[in-house]
Amino acid sequence: MNKKWIAPILALSLTATALGGCNANNTTPSASPAPATPSATPVVQLTQATAPKYVFLFIGDGMSYPQFQAASDYLGALA
């Protein structure tokens, strides 16, 4: 396989994987205008929460003192 095809194939597979996680069966209610009368409000049923499908763990590999100091300075400026 030619090396010039590797990058486009990887980009296409990454895009397909990212879009594959999108669900077309959206079960959340859509935004609708406010009802005219209070008796016309729909009843929303609450469902039991399910376990998360994906869990992401970010590891700060290669972080050293300058990165920690920059984060500390940023958080200090916010406070």
Protein backbone atom coordinates (compact mmCIF):
# COMPACT_ATOMS: atom_id res chain seq x y z
CA MET A 1 0.00 0.00 0.00
CA ASN A 2 1.27 3.43 -0.88
CA LYS A 3 2.18 5.65 2.09
CA LYS A 4 0.15 8.59 0.78
CA TRP A 5 -3.09 6.60 1.33
CA ILE A 6 -2.45 5.86 5.01
CA ALA A 7 -3.32 9.33 6.36
CA PRO A 8 -6.63 9.68 4.44
CA ILE A 9 -7.69 6.15 5.40
CA LEU A 10 -6.92 6.82 9.07
CA ALA A 11 -8.78 10.14 8.94
CA LEU A 12 -11.78 8.49 7.31
CA SER A 13 -11.86 5.68 9.85
CA LEU A 14 -11.58 8.16 12.73
CA THR A 15 -14.44 10.21 11.31
CA ALA A 16 -16.58 7.11 10.79
CA THR A 17 -15.90 5.98 14.34
CA ALA A 18 -16.77 9.39 15.78
CA LEU A 19 -19.98 9.63 13.77
CA GLY A 20 -20.86 6.03 14.55
CA GLY A 21 -21.39 7.03 18.17
CA CYS A 22 -24.12 9.47 17.16
CA ASN A 23 -27.54 8.02 17.77
CA ALA A 24 -30.36 8.80 15.36
CA ASN A 25 -32.98 7.62 17.86
CA ASN A 26 -33.05 10.69 20.04
CA THR A 27 -35.39 10.06 22.97
CA THR A 28 -35.16 13.50 24.56
CA PRO A 29 -38.20 15.72 24.06
CA SER A 30 -37.77 18.44 21.47
CA ALA A 31 -38.22 22.09 22.28
CA SER A 32 -41.79 23.18 21.80
CA PRO A 33 -43.64 26.42 22.50
CA ALA A 34 -45.11 26.92 25.96
CA PRO A 35 -48.64 25.54 26.37
CA ALA A 36 -51.50 28.02 26.39
CA THR A 37 -53.12 26.64 29.54
CA PRO A 38 -51.57 25.05 32.62
CA SER A 39 -53.77 21.95 32.19
CA ALA A 40 -52.16 21.27 28.81
CA THR A 41 -48.67 20.62 30.24
CA PRO A 42 -47.35 17.19 29.28
CA VAL A 43 -46.40 14.69 31.95
CA VAL A 44 -42.72 13.79 31.83
CA GLN A 45 -41.83 10.35 33.11
CA LEU A 46 -38.44 10.03 34.77
CA THR A 47 -36.44 6.94 33.91
CA GLN A 48 -33.83 5.21 36.00
CA ALA A 49 -30.27 6.35 35.26
CA THR A 50 -28.10 3.82 33.46
CA ALA A 51 -24.40 3.19 33.74
CA PRO A 52 -22.21 5.32 31.47
CA LYS A 53 -21.37 3.79 28.11
CA TYR A 54 -17.87 5.27 27.87
CA VAL A 55 -15.41 6.47 30.52
CA PHE A 56 -12.42 8.54 29.45
CA LEU A 57 -9.22 8.68 31.50
CA PHE A 58 -6.77 11.44 30.59
CA ILE A 59 -3.20 10.84 31.69
CA GLY A 60 -0.85 13.81 31.89
CA ASP A 61 2.23 12.01 30.63
CA GLY A 62 5.27 14.23 30.33
CA MET A 63 3.98 16.91 32.70
CA SER A 64 6.70 18.50 34.78
CA TYR A 65 7.10 21.53 36.99
CA PRO A 66 6.40 24.22 34.30
CA GLN A 67 3.05 22.61 33.43
CA PHE A 68 2.04 22.33 37.10
CA GLN A 69 3.15 25.93 37.74
CA ALA A 70 1.18 27.22 34.75
CA ALA A 71 -1.94 25.39 35.94
CA SER A 72 -1.44 26.72 39.47
CA ASP A 73 -1.03 30.29 38.20
CA TYR A 74 -4.16 29.96 36.03
CA LEU A 75 -6.28 28.56 38.86
CA GLY A 76 -4.94 31.24 41.21
CA ALA A 77 -5.97 33.95 38.75
CA LEU A 78 -9.51 32.50 38.57
CA ALA A 79 -9.87 32.54 42.36
